[in-house]
Protein backbone atom coordinates (compact mmCIF):
# COMPACT_ATOMS: atom_id res chain seq x y z
CA MET A 1 -2.82 -16.34 18.65
CA SER A 2 -0.47 -14.51 16.32
CA ASP A 3 -0.56 -10.76 16.22
CA PHE A 4 -1.52 -9.37 12.84
CA SER A 5 -1.03 -5.66 12.18
CA CYS A 6 -3.09 -3.80 9.62
CA TRP A 7 -1.15 -2.80 6.50
CA PHE A 8 -2.95 0.54 6.40
CA CYS A 9 -3.38 1.78 9.99
CA LYS A 10 -0.67 -0.37 11.65
CA GLN A 11 -3.01 -1.31 14.52
CA THR A 12 -3.47 -4.90 15.76
CA ILE A 13 -6.29 -6.83 14.08
CA GLU A 14 -8.51 -8.44 16.69
CA GLU A 15 -10.25 -11.78 16.18
CA HIS A 16 -13.69 -10.17 16.43
CA ASP A 17 -13.03 -8.54 13.02
CA VAL A 18 -14.18 -11.70 11.25
CA LYS A 19 -14.06 -9.93 7.88
CA ALA A 20 -10.38 -8.94 8.17
CA VAL A 21 -8.43 -9.86 5.06
CA ALA A 22 -5.09 -11.32 4.02
CA ILE A 23 -3.65 -9.67 0.93
CA GLU A 24 -1.06 -11.51 -1.14
CA ILE A 25 1.09 -9.58 -3.59
CA SER A 26 3.26 -11.04 -6.32
CA ASN A 27 4.93 -9.86 -9.49
CA LEU A 28 2.37 -9.71 -12.29
CA TRP A 29 4.83 -10.98 -14.90
CA PHE A 30 6.59 -13.73 -12.93
CA SER A 31 4.79 -17.05 -12.84
CA GLY A 32 5.58 -20.52 -11.64
CA GLU A 33 5.43 -22.67 -8.56
CA ASN A 34 8.26 -20.81 -6.84
CA GLN A 35 6.80 -17.36 -7.40
CA PRO A 36 7.64 -15.14 -4.42
CA ILE A 37 4.57 -13.82 -2.62
CA GLN A 38 4.38 -11.25 0.16
CA SER A 39 1.41 -11.25 2.53
CA PHE A 40 -0.18 -8.29 4.28
CA TRP A 41 -3.23 -8.09 6.55
CA ALA A 42 -5.92 -5.47 6.98
CA HIS A 43 -8.97 -4.68 9.05
CA SER A 44 -12.15 -5.12 7.04
CA LYS A 45 -12.92 -1.37 7.23
CA CYS A 46 -9.37 -0.35 6.29
CA ALA A 47 -9.38 -2.73 3.32
CA GLN A 48 -12.75 -1.46 2.14
CA GLN A 49 -11.67 2.18 2.42
CA ASN A 50 -8.25 1.72 0.84
CA LEU A 51 -8.89 -0.94 -1.82
CA SER A 52 -12.06 0.43 -3.37
CA GLY A 53 -10.46 2.91 -5.78
CA GLY A 54 -11.78 2.05 -9.24
CA TYR A 55 -13.35 -1.22 -8.11
CA ILE A 56 -15.80 -1.92 -5.33
CA PHE A 57 -14.27 -4.12 -2.65
CA ASP A 58 -16.66 -5.52 -0.06
CA PRO A 59 -15.27 -7.82 2.67
CA ASP A 60 -18.73 -9.43 2.87
CA ASP A 61 -18.03 -11.03 -0.51
CA LEU A 62 -15.33 -13.16 1.13
CA ILE A 63 -17.80 -14.56 3.67
CA ASN A 64 -21.04 -14.52 1.65
CA PRO A 65 -20.14 -14.88 -2.04
CA GLN A 66 -23.02 -14.07 -4.38
C-alpha cells in the first residue's frame, strides 16, 4: 500500500476511510491533452470541512451519486 498524506492535516490516510478523496488541480485556462495536473489527497472529514465554503461538498456523493 502507498502512503497518502492528507493535504489539510498532513496525517496518513488509512484504508478504512473509504470516502477519502483525490483532488486534481490544473490551470483553469490551459487546456489540452498534455495539461499539467497536480494531485492531492484528503481524509473525507478534512475534505468536507475545508472544501465546503460556498458549495456543499459531501464525500457520500462520490460513493452514492444521486
